[in-house]
Amino acid sequence: MRASVRADAYAAAVRRLRPLSEAECYARCYGGWDPTVTIVKLEPRRPRFPTTVSGEDLRRHFEARIDARTSEELEAERDAVEAA
C-alpha cells in the first residue's frame, strides 16, 4: 500500500483569491513567457441545429444501401479502383 505524501487533502487547504488569466497560468506552468506564444480569443461555437435523424438511423440506412448493391455495381466499383 502506498502512503500519501500529504497529510491532508490538498484542495481543501488551497484558497484562490481570484481566478488566474490564461497568461498567468501559462507563466506559472512554463516558468516564463516566450514572445512566439500568443493568446487568441476564439469565437464562441455556433449553436448546433437540431437534427431529425440519429446516428443509429444513419448507420442502418447506410448498411441497407450497401446490402442493396448489385453484383454489377460491385464489379464496376472494383474495376474503377484497380484502374486508378
Foldseek 3Di string as FASTA:
>chain_A
DDDDPDPDDPVVPDDDPDDDDPVVVCCVVVVHDDVVDDDDDDDDDDDDDDDPDDPVRVVVVVVVVVVPDDVVVVVVVVVVVVVD
